[in-house]
Amino acid sequence: SNAQPKMPPRGSSSPTSGENSSNPASGPKRIESLFVTCKAQSTLTAIRQVEHRLSPGSTIVLVQNGNLSTLELLLEKVFTNPKKRPNFILTSNTHGVWLKGPPFHVVHAGIGKLRFGIVPDGNRDFEKGLDAHENGAKPRLSLDDIALPKNDPEVARYRSLRNTVAVLQKMSGLQTTWDSYADLQILLRQKLAVNCVINPLTALLGCKNGVLFEDPAAERLGFRICKEAAAIYKTEAIRNRDPNTPVDDVEVPPELSASALWNECKRVAALTAGNTSSMLADLQKGNKVTEIDHLNGYLMTLANRCGEEVKLNASLVDLIKLRSHIPLDTMI
């Protein structure tokens, strides 16, 4: 979750319908499945380069940090018509990778998990099996709830989604799991808070992840960031509650409490102690744009919607932007 830069986006597709046509006159063929593994700040530009090859029958898998923010941006700027947008899969990726040298020379530095969920489209219930209790049946996610192999009037719309999920489920080496979208939302918000702590603090201090919380001052900062995130998540839950549910009865998942978020930050920092965060790696390479707008900046977006204040996160956004324009060795 805090690795150095990943590979640029690549379209993964079937040989028959996803690759470029060998006949120039026919133009490029449609992309069936597109895995986006570039940084969040590069995603909009990357998608626009292949937008003409995407259709409502395509599937886009967003793997990077900040994919909640990225999805919103793509739906606002590119796929504005819900009926014509591709299928989307969001993932929480805790594998560690970094680029060693030439393009695509990637080191898999840490074994993690790849948990994914399908973004609802308002047309088909991809999680219908979770409500199945007939005859004592165990609730489970099923490919047939995405699309039936035969006699499905909308198979063209959902074939690539079914095939993509099927392939992801078979990637045992990456420890993949298909979660309900509700569960994935909790996981991604937890991961967002962790990245909002580890990435900007290590980038500003110029240290490895494991060094971060050796001093009580960093612990106080980290907990305050988590406290702001938890307040947003609480307000979100209240705003999105059933109208018949009293405010006092609204329950926030325990994983999104301030203390739970802070404990997860410490766990991840210890687990990735020798890693350089992706934001620090960007600054070390002289990159002027980082993921900050899609991490702490996204918390600011959520806060504005909820009427909350996130002063510390707002300050971190400004500090990282200043840091990116003032090289680390300016005074040397």
C-alpha atoms as a PDB file:
ATOM      1  CA  SER A   1       0.000   0.000   0.000  1.00  0.00           C
ATOM      2  CA  ASN A   2       3.012   2.288   0.296  1.00  0.00           C
ATOM      3  CA  ALA A   3       5.242   1.022  -2.473  1.00  0.00           C
ATOM      4  CA  GLN A   4       7.260   2.918  -5.034  1.00  0.00           C
ATOM      5  CA  PRO A   5       5.701   3.703  -8.428  1.00  0.00           C
ATOM      6  CA  LYS A   6       3.903   0.908 -10.225  1.00  0.00           C
ATOM      7  CA  MET A   7       3.759   0.128 -13.917  1.00  0.00           C
ATOM      8  CA  PRO A   8       1.853   2.412 -16.298  1.00  0.00           C
ATOM      9  CA  PRO A   9      -1.679   1.412 -17.337  1.00  0.00           C
ATOM     10  CA  ARG A  10      -2.024  -1.471 -19.752  1.00  0.00           C
ATOM     11  CA  GLY A  11      -5.036  -2.861 -21.508  1.00  0.00           C
ATOM     12  CA  SER A  12      -5.531  -6.556 -20.826  1.00  0.00           C
ATOM     13  CA  SER A  13      -7.861  -8.176 -23.293  1.00  0.00           C
ATOM     14  CA  SER A  14      -8.760 -11.305 -25.148  1.00  0.00           C
ATOM     15  CA  PRO A  15      -6.805 -12.044 -28.364  1.00  0.00           C
ATOM     16  CA  THR A  16      -9.983 -11.972 -30.430  1.00  0.00           C
ATOM     17  CA  SER A  17     -11.624  -8.749 -29.365  1.00  0.00           C
ATOM     18  CA  GLY A  18      -9.298  -6.708 -27.183  1.00  0.00           C
ATOM     19  CA  GLU A  19      -6.095  -6.317 -29.160  1.00  0.00           C
ATOM     20  CA  ASN A  20      -5.405  -3.787 -31.879  1.00  0.00           C
ATOM     21  CA  SER A  21      -6.636  -4.894 -35.265  1.00  0.00           C
ATOM     22  CA  SER A  22      -4.031  -6.037 -37.772  1.00  0.00           C
ATOM     23  CA  ASN A  23      -6.044  -4.203 -40.455  1.00  0.00           C
ATOM     24  CA  PRO A  24      -5.352  -0.446 -40.139  1.00  0.00           C
ATOM     25  CA  ALA A  25      -8.524   0.346 -42.062  1.00  0.00           C
ATOM     26  CA  SER A  26     -10.683  -1.155 -39.362  1.00  0.00           C
ATOM     27  CA  GLY A  27      -9.082   0.883 -36.565  1.00  0.00           C
ATOM     28  CA  PRO A  28      -8.290  -0.244 -33.016  1.00  0.00           C
ATOM     29  CA  LYS A  29     -10.584  -2.804 -31.466  1.00  0.00           C
ATOM     30  CA  ARG A  30     -12.459  -2.396 -28.208  1.00  0.00           C
ATOM     31  CA  ILE A  31     -10.636  -3.035 -24.951  1.00  0.00           C
ATOM     32  CA  GLU A  32     -12.337  -5.794 -22.987  1.00  0.00           C
ATOM     33  CA  SER A  33     -10.525  -5.349 -19.650  1.00  0.00           C
ATOM     34  CA  LEU A  34      -8.279  -2.462 -18.644  1.00  0.00           C
ATOM     35  CA  PHE A  35      -6.154  -2.681 -15.496  1.00  0.00           C
ATOM     36  CA  VAL A  36      -5.048   0.769 -14.337  1.00  0.00           C
ATOM     37  CA  THR A  37      -1.974   0.625 -12.105  1.00  0.00           C
ATOM     38  CA  CYS A  38      -0.517   4.088 -12.628  1.00  0.00           C
ATOM     39  CA  LYS A  39      -0.584   6.758  -9.929  1.00  0.00           C
ATOM     40  CA  ALA A  40      -3.957   8.315  -9.151  1.00  0.00           C
ATOM     41  CA  GLN A  41      -2.865  11.704 -10.485  1.00  0.00           C
ATOM     42  CA  SER A  42      -2.075  10.164 -13.903  1.00  0.00           C
ATOM     43  CA  THR A  43      -5.266   8.135 -14.295  1.00  0.00           C
ATOM     44  CA  LEU A  44      -7.477  10.731 -15.979  1.00  0.00           C
ATOM     45  CA  THR A  45      -4.883  11.419 -18.680  1.00  0.00           C
ATOM     46  CA  ALA A  46      -4.214   7.706 -19.161  1.00  0.00           C
ATOM     47  CA  ILE A  47      -7.900   6.830 -19.556  1.00  0.00           C
ATOM     48  CA  ARG A  48      -8.473   9.645 -22.034  1.00  0.00           C
ATOM     49  CA  GLN A  49      -5.762   8.166 -24.257  1.00  0.00           C
ATOM     50  CA  VAL A  50      -7.771   4.960 -24.671  1.00  0.00           C
ATOM     51  CA  GLU A  51     -11.289   6.327 -24.159  1.00  0.00           C
ATOM     52  CA  HIS A  52     -12.166   5.674 -27.823  1.00  0.00           C
ATOM     53  CA  ARG A  53     -11.511   1.960 -27.287  1.00  0.00           C
ATOM     54  CA  LEU A  54     -13.774   1.644 -24.255  1.00  0.00           C
ATOM     55  CA  SER A  55     -17.489   0.901 -24.338  1.00  0.00           C
ATOM     56  CA  PRO A  56     -20.306   0.012 -21.902  1.00  0.00           C
ATOM     57  CA  GLY A  57     -19.215  -3.590 -22.369  1.00  0.00           C
ATOM     58  CA  SER A  58     -15.650  -2.897 -21.202  1.00  0.00           C
ATOM     59  CA  THR A  59     -14.365  -3.353 -17.656  1.00  0.00           C
ATOM     60  CA  ILE A  60     -11.928  -1.003 -15.895  1.00  0.00           C
ATOM     61  CA  VAL A  61     -10.065  -2.235 -12.814  1.00  0.00           C
ATOM     62  CA  LEU A  62      -8.652   0.581 -10.646  1.00  0.00           C
ATOM     63  CA  VAL A  63      -5.763  -0.741  -8.562  1.00  0.00           C
ATOM     64  CA  GLN A  64      -3.966   2.381  -7.345  1.00  0.00           C
ATOM     65  CA  ASN A  65      -4.090   4.310  -4.090  1.00  0.00           C
ATOM     66  CA  GLY A  66      -6.816   6.930  -4.067  1.00  0.00           C
ATOM     67  CA  ASN A  67      -9.131   4.979  -6.334  1.00  0.00           C
ATOM     68  CA  LEU A  68     -12.249   6.307  -4.570  1.00  0.00           C
ATOM     69  CA  SER A  69     -11.280   9.797  -5.687  1.00  0.00           C
ATOM     70  CA  THR A  70     -10.210   8.535  -9.104  1.00  0.00           C
ATOM     71  CA  LEU A  71     -13.528   6.819  -9.754  1.00  0.00           C
ATOM     72  CA  GLU A  72     -15.435  10.002  -8.919  1.00  0.00           C
ATOM     73  CA  LEU A  73     -13.178  11.993 -11.246  1.00  0.00           C
ATOM     74  CA  LEU A  74     -13.647   9.575 -14.147  1.00  0.00           C
ATOM     75  CA  LEU A  75     -17.426   9.546 -13.757  1.00  0.00           C
ATOM     76  CA  GLU A  76     -17.487  13.353 -13.587  1.00  0.00           C
ATOM     77  CA  LYS A  77     -15.036  14.109 -16.413  1.00  0.00           C
ATOM     78  CA  VAL A  78     -15.130  11.163 -18.828  1.00  0.00           C
ATOM     79  CA  PHE A  79     -17.995   8.719 -18.343  1.00  0.00           C
ATOM     80  CA  THR A  80     -20.745  11.217 -17.612  1.00  0.00           C
ATOM     81  CA  ASN A  81     -23.600   9.094 -18.993  1.00  0.00           C
ATOM     82  CA  PRO A  82     -24.340   6.201 -16.577  1.00  0.00           C
ATOM     83  CA  LYS A  83     -25.873   4.135 -19.394  1.00  0.00           C
ATOM     84  CA  LYS A  84     -22.730   4.381 -21.522  1.00  0.00           C
ATOM     85  CA  ARG A  85     -20.034   4.006 -18.889  1.00  0.00           C
ATOM     86  CA  PRO A  86     -17.875   0.863 -18.642  1.00  0.00           C
ATOM     87  CA  ASN A  87     -18.098  -1.552 -15.723  1.00  0.00           C
ATOM     88  CA  PHE A  88     -15.789  -0.658 -12.837  1.00  0.00           C
ATOM     89  CA  ILE A  89     -13.959  -2.768 -10.279  1.00  0.00           C
ATOM     90  CA  LEU A  90     -12.240  -1.123  -7.297  1.00  0.00           C
ATOM     91  CA  THR A  91      -9.426  -2.863  -5.451  1.00  0.00           C
ATOM     92  CA  SER A  92      -7.525  -2.617  -2.211  1.00  0.00           C
ATOM     93  CA  ASN A  93      -3.959  -3.654  -2.946  1.00  0.00           C
ATOM     94  CA  THR A  94      -1.454  -4.338  -0.155  1.00  0.00           C
ATOM     95  CA  HIS A  95       1.245  -5.937  -2.308  1.00  0.00           C
ATOM     96  CA  GLY A  96       4.520  -4.005  -2.405  1.00  0.00           C
ATOM     97  CA  VAL A  97       6.258  -3.376  -5.732  1.00  0.00           C
ATOM     98  CA  TRP A  98       8.839  -0.963  -7.093  1.00  0.00           C
ATOM     99  CA  LEU A  99      10.515  -0.192 -10.417  1.00  0.00           C
ATOM    100  CA  LYS A 100      14.133  -1.317 -10.384  1.00  0.00           C
ATOM    101  CA  GLY A 101      15.365   0.021 -13.690  1.00  0.00           C
ATOM    102  CA  PRO A 102      14.032  -0.110 -17.249  1.00  0.00           C
ATOM    103  CA  PRO A 103      10.285   0.026 -17.932  1.00  0.00           C
ATOM    104  CA  PHE A 104       8.480  -3.058 -16.634  1.00  0.00           C
ATOM    105  CA  HIS A 105      11.449  -4.231 -14.539  1.00  0.00           C
ATOM    106  CA  VAL A 106       9.347  -4.528 -11.416  1.00  0.00           C
ATOM    107  CA  VAL A 107      10.328  -6.004  -8.064  1.00  0.00           C
ATOM    108  CA  HIS A 108       7.556  -7.670  -6.047  1.00  0.00           C
ATOM    109  CA  ALA A 109       8.872  -6.539  -2.674  1.00  0.00           C
ATOM    110  CA  GLY A 110       6.105  -7.653  -0.358  1.00  0.00           C
ATOM    111  CA  ILE A 111       3.349 -10.252  -0.465  1.00  0.00           C
ATOM    112  CA  GLY A 112      -0.021  -8.778   0.399  1.00  0.00           C
ATOM    113  CA  LYS A 113      -3.634  -9.195  -0.648  1.00  0.00           C
ATOM    114  CA  LEU A 114      -5.767  -7.962  -3.514  1.00  0.00           C
ATOM    115  CA  ARG A 115      -9.365  -7.447  -2.447  1.00  0.00           C
ATOM    116  CA  PHE A 116     -11.801  -6.202  -5.045  1.00  0.00           C
ATOM    117  CA  GLY A 117     -15.450  -5.302  -5.456  1.00  0.00           C
ATOM    118  CA  ILE A 118     -17.751  -4.382  -8.343  1.00  0.00           C
ATOM    119  CA  VAL A 119     -19.065  -0.832  -8.460  1.00  0.00           C
ATOM    120  CA  PRO A 120     -22.896  -1.004  -8.599  1.00  0.00           C
ATOM    121  CA  ASP A 121     -24.414   0.229 -11.843  1.00  0.00           C
ATOM    122  CA  GLY A 122     -28.033   0.520 -10.713  1.00  0.00           C
ATOM    123  CA  ASN A 123     -29.144  -2.013 -13.303  1.00  0.00           C
ATOM    124  CA  ARG A 124     -28.010  -5.426 -12.122  1.00  0.00           C
ATOM    125  CA  ASP A 125     -27.524  -6.829  -8.629  1.00  0.00           C
ATOM    126  CA  PHE A 126     -24.041  -8.329  -8.678  1.00  0.00           C
ATOM    127  CA  GLU A 127     -24.428  -9.471  -5.065  1.00  0.00           C
ATOM    128  CA  LYS A 128     -27.816 -11.155  -5.259  1.00  0.00           C
ATOM    129  CA  GLY A 129     -26.336 -14.379  -3.909  1.00  0.00           C
ATOM    130  CA  LEU A 130     -25.586 -12.677  -0.589  1.00  0.00           C
ATOM    131  CA  ASP A 131     -29.322 -12.481   0.048  1.00  0.00           C
ATOM    132  CA  ALA A 132     -29.983 -16.108  -0.826  1.00  0.00           C
ATOM    133  CA  HIS A 133     -31.053 -18.036   2.249  1.00  0.00           C
ATOM    134  CA  GLU A 134     -33.477 -20.460   0.619  1.00  0.00           C
ATOM    135  CA  ASN A 135     -33.157 -24.059   1.772  1.00  0.00           C
ATOM    136  CA  GLY A 136     -30.359 -23.052   4.111  1.00  0.00           C
ATOM    137  CA  ALA A 137     -28.129 -21.969   1.230  1.00  0.00           C
ATOM    138  CA  LYS A 138     -24.942 -20.232   2.312  1.00  0.00           C
ATOM    139  CA  PRO A 139     -24.758 -16.632   1.036  1.00  0.00           C
ATOM    140  CA  ARG A 140     -22.009 -16.221  -1.543  1.00  0.00           C
ATOM    141  CA  LEU A 141     -20.988 -14.075  -4.454  1.00  0.00           C
ATOM    142  CA  SER A 142     -21.620 -15.778  -7.769  1.00  0.00           C
ATOM    143  CA  LEU A 143     -20.426 -15.171 -11.322  1.00  0.00           C
ATOM    144  CA  ASP A 144     -23.938 -15.989 -12.513  1.00  0.00           C
ATOM    145  CA  ASP A 145     -25.187 -12.891 -10.698  1.00  0.00           C
ATOM    146  CA  ILE A 146     -22.950 -10.845 -12.999  1.00  0.00           C
ATOM    147  CA  ALA A 147     -24.014 -12.556 -16.215  1.00  0.00           C
ATOM    148  CA  LEU A 148     -25.349 -15.933 -17.246  1.00  0.00           C
ATOM    149  CA  PRO A 149     -23.195 -17.761 -19.813  1.00  0.00           C
ATOM    150  CA  LYS A 150     -26.303 -18.522 -21.878  1.00  0.00           C
ATOM    151  CA  ASN A 151     -29.751 -17.007 -22.384  1.00  0.00           C
ATOM    152  CA  ASP A 152     -28.829 -13.679 -20.819  1.00  0.00           C
ATOM    153  CA  PRO A 153     -30.315 -10.780 -22.825  1.00  0.00           C
ATOM    154  CA  GLU A 154     -27.599  -8.416 -21.519  1.00  0.00           C
ATOM    155  CA  VAL A 155     -24.626 -10.746 -21.803  1.00  0.00           C
ATOM    156  CA  ALA A 156     -22.820  -8.327 -24.159  1.00  0.00           C
ATOM    157  CA  ARG A 157     -22.959  -5.656 -21.451  1.00  0.00           C
ATOM    158  CA  TYR A 158     -21.576  -7.855 -18.693  1.00  0.00           C
ATOM    159  CA  ARG A 159     -19.461 -10.546 -20.393  1.00  0.00           C
ATOM    160  CA  SER A 160     -16.141  -8.762 -19.842  1.00  0.00           C
ATOM    161  CA  LEU A 161     -17.052  -8.052 -16.212  1.00  0.00           C
ATOM    162  CA  ARG A 162     -17.809 -11.708 -15.558  1.00  0.00           C
ATOM    163  CA  ASN A 163     -14.610 -12.802 -17.329  1.00  0.00           C
ATOM    164  CA  THR A 164     -12.484 -10.254 -15.462  1.00  0.00           C
ATOM    165  CA  VAL A 165     -13.834 -11.306 -12.068  1.00  0.00           C
ATOM    166  CA  ALA A 166     -13.319 -14.962 -13.008  1.00  0.00           C
ATOM    167  CA  VAL A 167      -9.673 -14.289 -13.858  1.00  0.00           C
ATOM    168  CA  LEU A 168      -9.103 -12.280 -10.675  1.00  0.00           C
ATOM    169  CA  GLN A 169     -10.535 -15.105  -8.582  1.00  0.00           C
ATOM    170  CA  LYS A 170      -8.050 -17.535 -10.131  1.00  0.00           C
ATOM    171  CA  MET A 171      -4.998 -15.413  -9.232  1.00  0.00           C
ATOM    172  CA  SER A 172      -4.261 -17.373  -6.066  1.00  0.00           C
ATOM    173  CA  GLY A 173      -0.677 -16.129  -5.956  1.00  0.00           C
ATOM    174  CA  LEU A 174      -1.948 -12.588  -5.391  1.00  0.00           C
ATOM    175  CA  GLN A 175      -4.357 -13.728  -2.658  1.00  0.00           C
ATOM    176  CA  THR A 176      -7.411 -12.197  -4.294  1.00  0.00           C
ATOM    177  CA  THR A 177     -10.881 -12.058  -2.764  1.00  0.00           C
ATOM    178  CA  TRP A 178     -14.145 -10.667  -4.117  1.00  0.00           C
ATOM    179  CA  ASP A 179     -15.854  -8.602  -1.421  1.00  0.00           C
ATOM    180  CA  SER A 180     -19.281  -7.038  -1.282  1.00  0.00           C
ATOM    181  CA  TYR A 181     -19.151  -3.390  -2.280  1.00  0.00           C
ATOM    182  CA  ALA A 182     -20.263  -2.325   1.202  1.00  0.00           C
ATOM    183  CA  ASP A 183     -17.380  -4.230   2.810  1.00  0.00           C
ATOM    184  CA  LEU A 184     -14.945  -2.862   0.241  1.00  0.00           C
ATOM    185  CA  GLN A 185     -16.052   0.697   1.003  1.00  0.00           C
ATOM    186  CA  ILE A 186     -15.079   0.162   4.642  1.00  0.00           C
ATOM    187  CA  LEU A 187     -11.734  -1.301   3.622  1.00  0.00           C
ATOM    188  CA  LEU A 188     -10.963   1.508   1.164  1.00  0.00           C
ATOM    189  CA  ARG A 189     -11.835   4.190   3.718  1.00  0.00           C
ATOM    190  CA  GLN A 190      -9.581   2.493   6.240  1.00  0.00           C
ATOM    191  CA  LYS A 191      -6.798   2.350   3.670  1.00  0.00           C
ATOM    192  CA  LEU A 192      -7.396   5.990   2.730  1.00  0.00           C
ATOM    193  CA  ALA A 193      -6.814   7.080   6.328  1.00  0.00           C
ATOM    194  CA  VAL A 194      -3.631   5.005   6.572  1.00  0.00           C
ATOM    195  CA  ASN A 195      -2.265   6.541   3.387  1.00  0.00           C
ATOM    196  CA  CYS A 196      -3.237  10.015   4.602  1.00  0.00           C
ATOM    197  CA  VAL A 197      -0.960   9.481   7.592  1.00  0.00           C
ATOM    198  CA  ILE A 198       2.009   7.515   6.280  1.00  0.00           C
ATOM    199  CA  ASN A 199       2.453   9.078   2.842  1.00  0.00           C
ATOM    200  CA  PRO A 200       2.558  12.810   3.664  1.00  0.00           C
ATOM    201  CA  LEU A 201       4.419  12.461   6.971  1.00  0.00           C
ATOM    202  CA  THR A 202       7.189  10.294   5.516  1.00  0.00           C
ATOM    203  CA  ALA A 203       7.360  12.586   2.487  1.00  0.00           C
ATOM    204  CA  LEU A 204       7.787  15.685   4.635  1.00  0.00           C
ATOM    205  CA  LEU A 205      10.271  14.053   7.007  1.00  0.00           C
ATOM    206  CA  GLY A 206      12.180  12.118   4.350  1.00  0.00           C
ATOM    207  CA  CYS A 207      12.119   8.846   6.277  1.00  0.00           C
ATOM    208  CA  LYS A 208      11.239   5.187   5.833  1.00  0.00           C
ATOM    209  CA  ASN A 209       7.838   4.035   7.023  1.00  0.00           C
ATOM    210  CA  GLY A 210       9.184   2.232  10.072  1.00  0.00           C
ATOM    211  CA  VAL A 211      10.954   5.293  11.483  1.00  0.00           C
ATOM    212  CA  LEU A 212       7.825   7.398  11.427  1.00  0.00           C
ATOM    213  CA  PHE A 213       6.336   6.649  14.839  1.00  0.00           C
ATOM    214  CA  GLU A 214       9.505   6.409  16.906  1.00  0.00           C
ATOM    215  CA  ASP A 215       8.823   9.861  18.372  1.00  0.00           C
ATOM    216  CA  PRO A 216       5.667  10.783  20.323  1.00  0.00           C
ATOM    217  CA  ALA A 217       5.219  13.926  18.189  1.00  0.00           C
ATOM    218  CA  ALA A 218       4.589  11.798  15.098  1.00  0.00           C
ATOM    219  CA  GLU A 219       2.168   9.658  17.064  1.00  0.00           C
ATOM    220  CA  ARG A 220       0.186  12.714  18.092  1.00  0.00           C
ATOM    221  CA  LEU A 221       0.052  13.947  14.507  1.00  0.00           C
ATOM    222  CA  GLY A 222      -0.949  10.541  13.177  1.00  0.00           C
ATOM    223  CA  PHE A 223      -3.766  10.117  15.659  1.00  0.00           C
ATOM    224  CA  ARG A 224      -5.146  13.591  14.919  1.00  0.00           C
ATOM    225  CA  ILE A 225      -5.249  12.792  11.200  1.00  0.00           C
ATOM    226  CA  CYS A 226      -7.149   9.604  11.987  1.00  0.00           C
ATOM    227  CA  LYS A 227      -9.494  11.505  14.285  1.00  0.00           C
ATOM    228  CA  GLU A 228     -10.410  13.897  11.470  1.00  0.00           C
ATOM    229  CA  ALA A 229     -11.021  10.975   9.100  1.00  0.00           C
ATOM    230  CA  ALA A 230     -13.175   9.164  11.662  1.00  0.00           C
ATOM    231  CA  ALA A 231     -15.310  12.275  12.167  1.00  0.00           C
ATOM    232  CA  ILE A 232     -15.943  12.455   8.424  1.00  0.00           C
ATOM    233  CA  TYR A 233     -16.900   8.795   8.251  1.00  0.00           C
ATOM    234  CA  LYS A 234     -19.303   9.270  11.159  1.00  0.00           C
ATOM    235  CA  THR A 235     -20.984  12.228   9.482  1.00  0.00           C
ATOM    236  CA  GLU A 236     -21.158  10.311   6.203  1.00  0.00           C
ATOM    237  CA  ALA A 237     -22.980   7.483   7.947  1.00  0.00           C
ATOM    238  CA  ILE A 238     -25.469   9.904   9.476  1.00  0.00           C
ATOM    239  CA  ARG A 239     -26.133  11.660   6.167  1.00  0.00           C
ATOM    240  CA  ASN A 240     -26.570   8.366   4.296  1.00  0.00           C
ATOM    241  CA  ARG A 241     -28.756   6.679   6.904  1.00  0.00           C
ATOM    242  CA  ASP A 242     -32.296   5.492   6.296  1.00  0.00           C
ATOM    243  CA  PRO A 243     -34.627   8.485   6.968  1.00  0.00           C
ATOM    244  CA  ASN A 244     -36.476   6.406   9.541  1.00  0.00           C
ATOM    245  CA  THR A 245     -33.312   5.736  11.539  1.00  0.00           C
ATOM    246  CA  PRO A 246     -32.674   8.153  14.438  1.00  0.00           C
ATOM    247  CA  VAL A 247     -29.255   9.804  14.411  1.00  0.00           C
ATOM    248  CA  ASP A 248     -28.389   8.264  17.776  1.00  0.00           C
ATOM    249  CA  ASP A 249     -28.949   4.779  16.339  1.00  0.00           C
ATOM    250  CA  VAL A 250     -26.463   5.214  13.495  1.00  0.00           C
ATOM    251  CA  GLU A 251     -23.540   2.830  13.879  1.00  0.00           C
ATOM    252  CA  VAL A 252     -20.187   3.350  12.206  1.00  0.00           C
ATOM    253  CA  PRO A 253     -18.150   0.218  11.454  1.00  0.00           C
ATOM    254  CA  PRO A 254     -15.671  -0.224  14.323  1.00  0.00           C
ATOM    255  CA  GLU A 255     -12.820  -0.403  11.777  1.00  0.00           C
ATOM    256  CA  LEU A 256     -13.424   3.284  11.008  1.00  0.00           C
ATOM    257  CA  SER A 257     -13.138   4.619  14.553  1.00  0.00           C
ATOM    258  CA  ALA A 258     -10.198   6.926  15.305  1.00  0.00           C
ATOM    259  CA  SER A 259      -8.462   4.364  17.516  1.00  0.00           C
ATOM    260  CA  ALA A 260      -8.929   1.539  14.992  1.00  0.00           C
ATOM    261  CA  LEU A 261      -7.608   3.684  12.147  1.00  0.00           C
ATOM    262  CA  TRP A 262      -4.608   4.689  14.234  1.00  0.00           C
ATOM    263  CA  ASN A 263      -3.857   1.076  15.171  1.00  0.00           C
ATOM    264  CA  GLU A 264      -4.013   0.152  11.483  1.00  0.00           C
ATOM    265  CA  CYS A 265      -1.540   2.928  10.673  1.00  0.00           C
ATOM    266  CA  LYS A 266       0.929   1.543  13.201  1.00  0.00           C
ATOM    267  CA  ARG A 267       0.404  -2.001  11.930  1.00  0.00           C
ATOM    268  CA  VAL A 268       1.058  -1.016   8.307  1.00  0.00           C
ATOM    269  CA  ALA A 269       4.069   1.129   9.237  1.00  0.00           C
ATOM    270  CA  ALA A 270       5.626  -1.788  11.126  1.00  0.00           C
ATOM    271  CA  LEU A 271       4.808  -4.231   8.327  1.00  0.00           C
ATOM    272  CA  THR A 272       6.403  -1.937   5.720  1.00  0.00           C
ATOM    273  CA  ALA A 273       9.146  -0.612   7.974  1.00  0.00           C
ATOM    274  CA  GLY A 274      11.867  -0.712   5.321  1.00  0.00           C
ATOM    275  CA  ASN A 275       9.705   0.736   2.544  1.00  0.00           C
ATOM    276  CA  THR A 276       9.811   4.177   1.002  1.00  0.00           C
ATOM    277  CA  SER A 277       6.281   5.561   0.659  1.00  0.00           C
ATOM    278  CA  SER A 278       5.082   6.312  -2.849  1.00  0.00           C
ATOM    279  CA  MET A 279       4.767  10.023  -2.050  1.00  0.00           C
ATOM    280  CA  LEU A 280       8.321  10.267  -0.762  1.00  0.00           C
ATOM    281  CA  ALA A 281       9.531   8.388  -3.836  1.00  0.00           C
ATOM    282  CA  ASP A 282       7.784  10.957  -6.030  1.00  0.00           C
ATOM    283  CA  LEU A 283       9.473  13.839  -4.215  1.00  0.00           C
ATOM    284  CA  GLN A 284      12.868  12.161  -4.396  1.00  0.00           C
ATOM    285  CA  LYS A 285      12.455  11.890  -8.159  1.00  0.00           C
ATOM    286  CA  GLY A 286      11.550  15.553  -8.438  1.00  0.00           C
ATOM    287  CA  ASN A 287       7.951  14.935  -9.451  1.00  0.00           C
ATOM    288  CA  LYS A 288       5.914  18.107  -9.080  1.00  0.00           C
ATOM    289  CA  VAL A 289       2.581  16.319  -8.734  1.00  0.00           C
ATOM    290  CA  THR A 290       1.907  13.697  -6.060  1.00  0.00           C
ATOM    291  CA  GLU A 291      -1.083  11.675  -4.878  1.00  0.00           C
ATOM    292  CA  ILE A 292      -1.885  14.243  -2.180  1.00  0.00           C
ATOM    293  CA  ASP A 293      -5.072  15.540  -3.879  1.00  0.00           C
ATOM    294  CA  HIS A 294      -6.397  11.976  -4.061  1.00  0.00           C
ATOM    295  CA  LEU A 295      -5.533  11.162  -0.429  1.00  0.00           C
ATOM    296  CA  ASN A 296      -5.716  13.999   2.109  1.00  0.00           C
ATOM    297  CA  GLY A 297      -7.291  16.151  -0.594  1.00  0.00           C
ATOM    298  CA  TYR A 298     -10.088  13.612  -0.988  1.00  0.00           C
ATOM    299  CA  LEU A 299     -10.706  13.722   2.755  1.00  0.00           C
ATOM    300  CA  MET A 300     -11.118  17.473   2.301  1.00  0.00           C
ATOM    301  CA  THR A 301     -13.675  16.836  -0.446  1.00  0.00           C
ATOM    302  CA  LEU A 302     -15.638  14.483   1.797  1.00  0.00           C
ATOM    303  CA  ALA A 303     -15.399  16.979   4.647  1.00  0.00           C
ATOM    304  CA  ASN A 304     -16.820  19.779   2.495  1.00  0.00           C
ATOM    305  CA  ARG A 305     -19.781  17.588   1.592  1.00  0.00           C
ATOM    306  CA  CYS A 306     -20.405  16.728   5.216  1.00  0.00           C
ATOM    307  CA  GLY A 307     -19.835  20.177   6.668  1.00  0.00           C
ATOM    308  CA  GLU A 308     -16.837  18.976   8.671  1.00  0.00           C
ATOM    309  CA  GLU A 309     -13.454  20.635   9.100  1.00  0.00           C
ATOM    310  CA  VAL A 310     -10.183  18.812   8.509  1.00  0.00           C
ATOM    311  CA  LYS A 311      -7.646  21.522   9.298  1.00  0.00           C
ATOM    312  CA  LEU A 312      -4.702  19.189   9.773  1.00  0.00           C
ATOM    313  CA  ASN A 313      -5.326  17.311   6.538  1.00  0.00           C
ATOM    314  CA  ALA A 314      -5.777  20.625   4.702  1.00  0.00           C
ATOM    315  CA  SER A 315      -2.423  21.803   6.063  1.00  0.00           C
ATOM    316  CA  LEU A 316      -0.755  18.585   4.939  1.00  0.00           C
ATOM    317  CA  VAL A 317      -2.051  19.127   1.401  1.00  0.00           C
ATOM    318  CA  ASP A 318      -0.474  22.590   1.316  1.00  0.00           C
ATOM    319  CA  LEU A 319       2.764  21.386   2.891  1.00  0.00           C
ATOM    320  CA  ILE A 320       3.209  18.568   0.375  1.00  0.00           C
ATOM    321  CA  LYS A 321       2.547  20.946  -2.512  1.00  0.00           C
ATOM    322  CA  LEU A 322       5.149  23.331  -1.110  1.00  0.00           C
ATOM    323  CA  ARG A 323       7.589  20.473  -0.607  1.00  0.00           C
ATOM    324  CA  SER A 324       7.135  19.323  -4.214  1.00  0.00           C
ATOM    325  CA  HIS A 325       8.150  22.771  -5.463  1.00  0.00           C
ATOM    326  CA  ILE A 326      11.035  23.221  -3.037  1.00  0.00           C
ATOM    327  CA  PRO A 327      13.619  20.423  -3.552  1.00  0.00           C
ATOM    328  CA  LEU A 328      14.836  18.590  -0.469  1.00  0.00           C
ATOM    329  CA  ASP A 329      18.424  19.761  -1.043  1.00  0.00           C
ATOM    330  CA  THR A 330      17.676  23.484  -1.600  1.00  0.00           C
ATOM    331  CA  MET A 331      19.940  24.623   1.251  1.00  0.00           C
ATOM    332  CA  ILE A 332      22.870  22.375   0.364  1.00  0.00           C
END
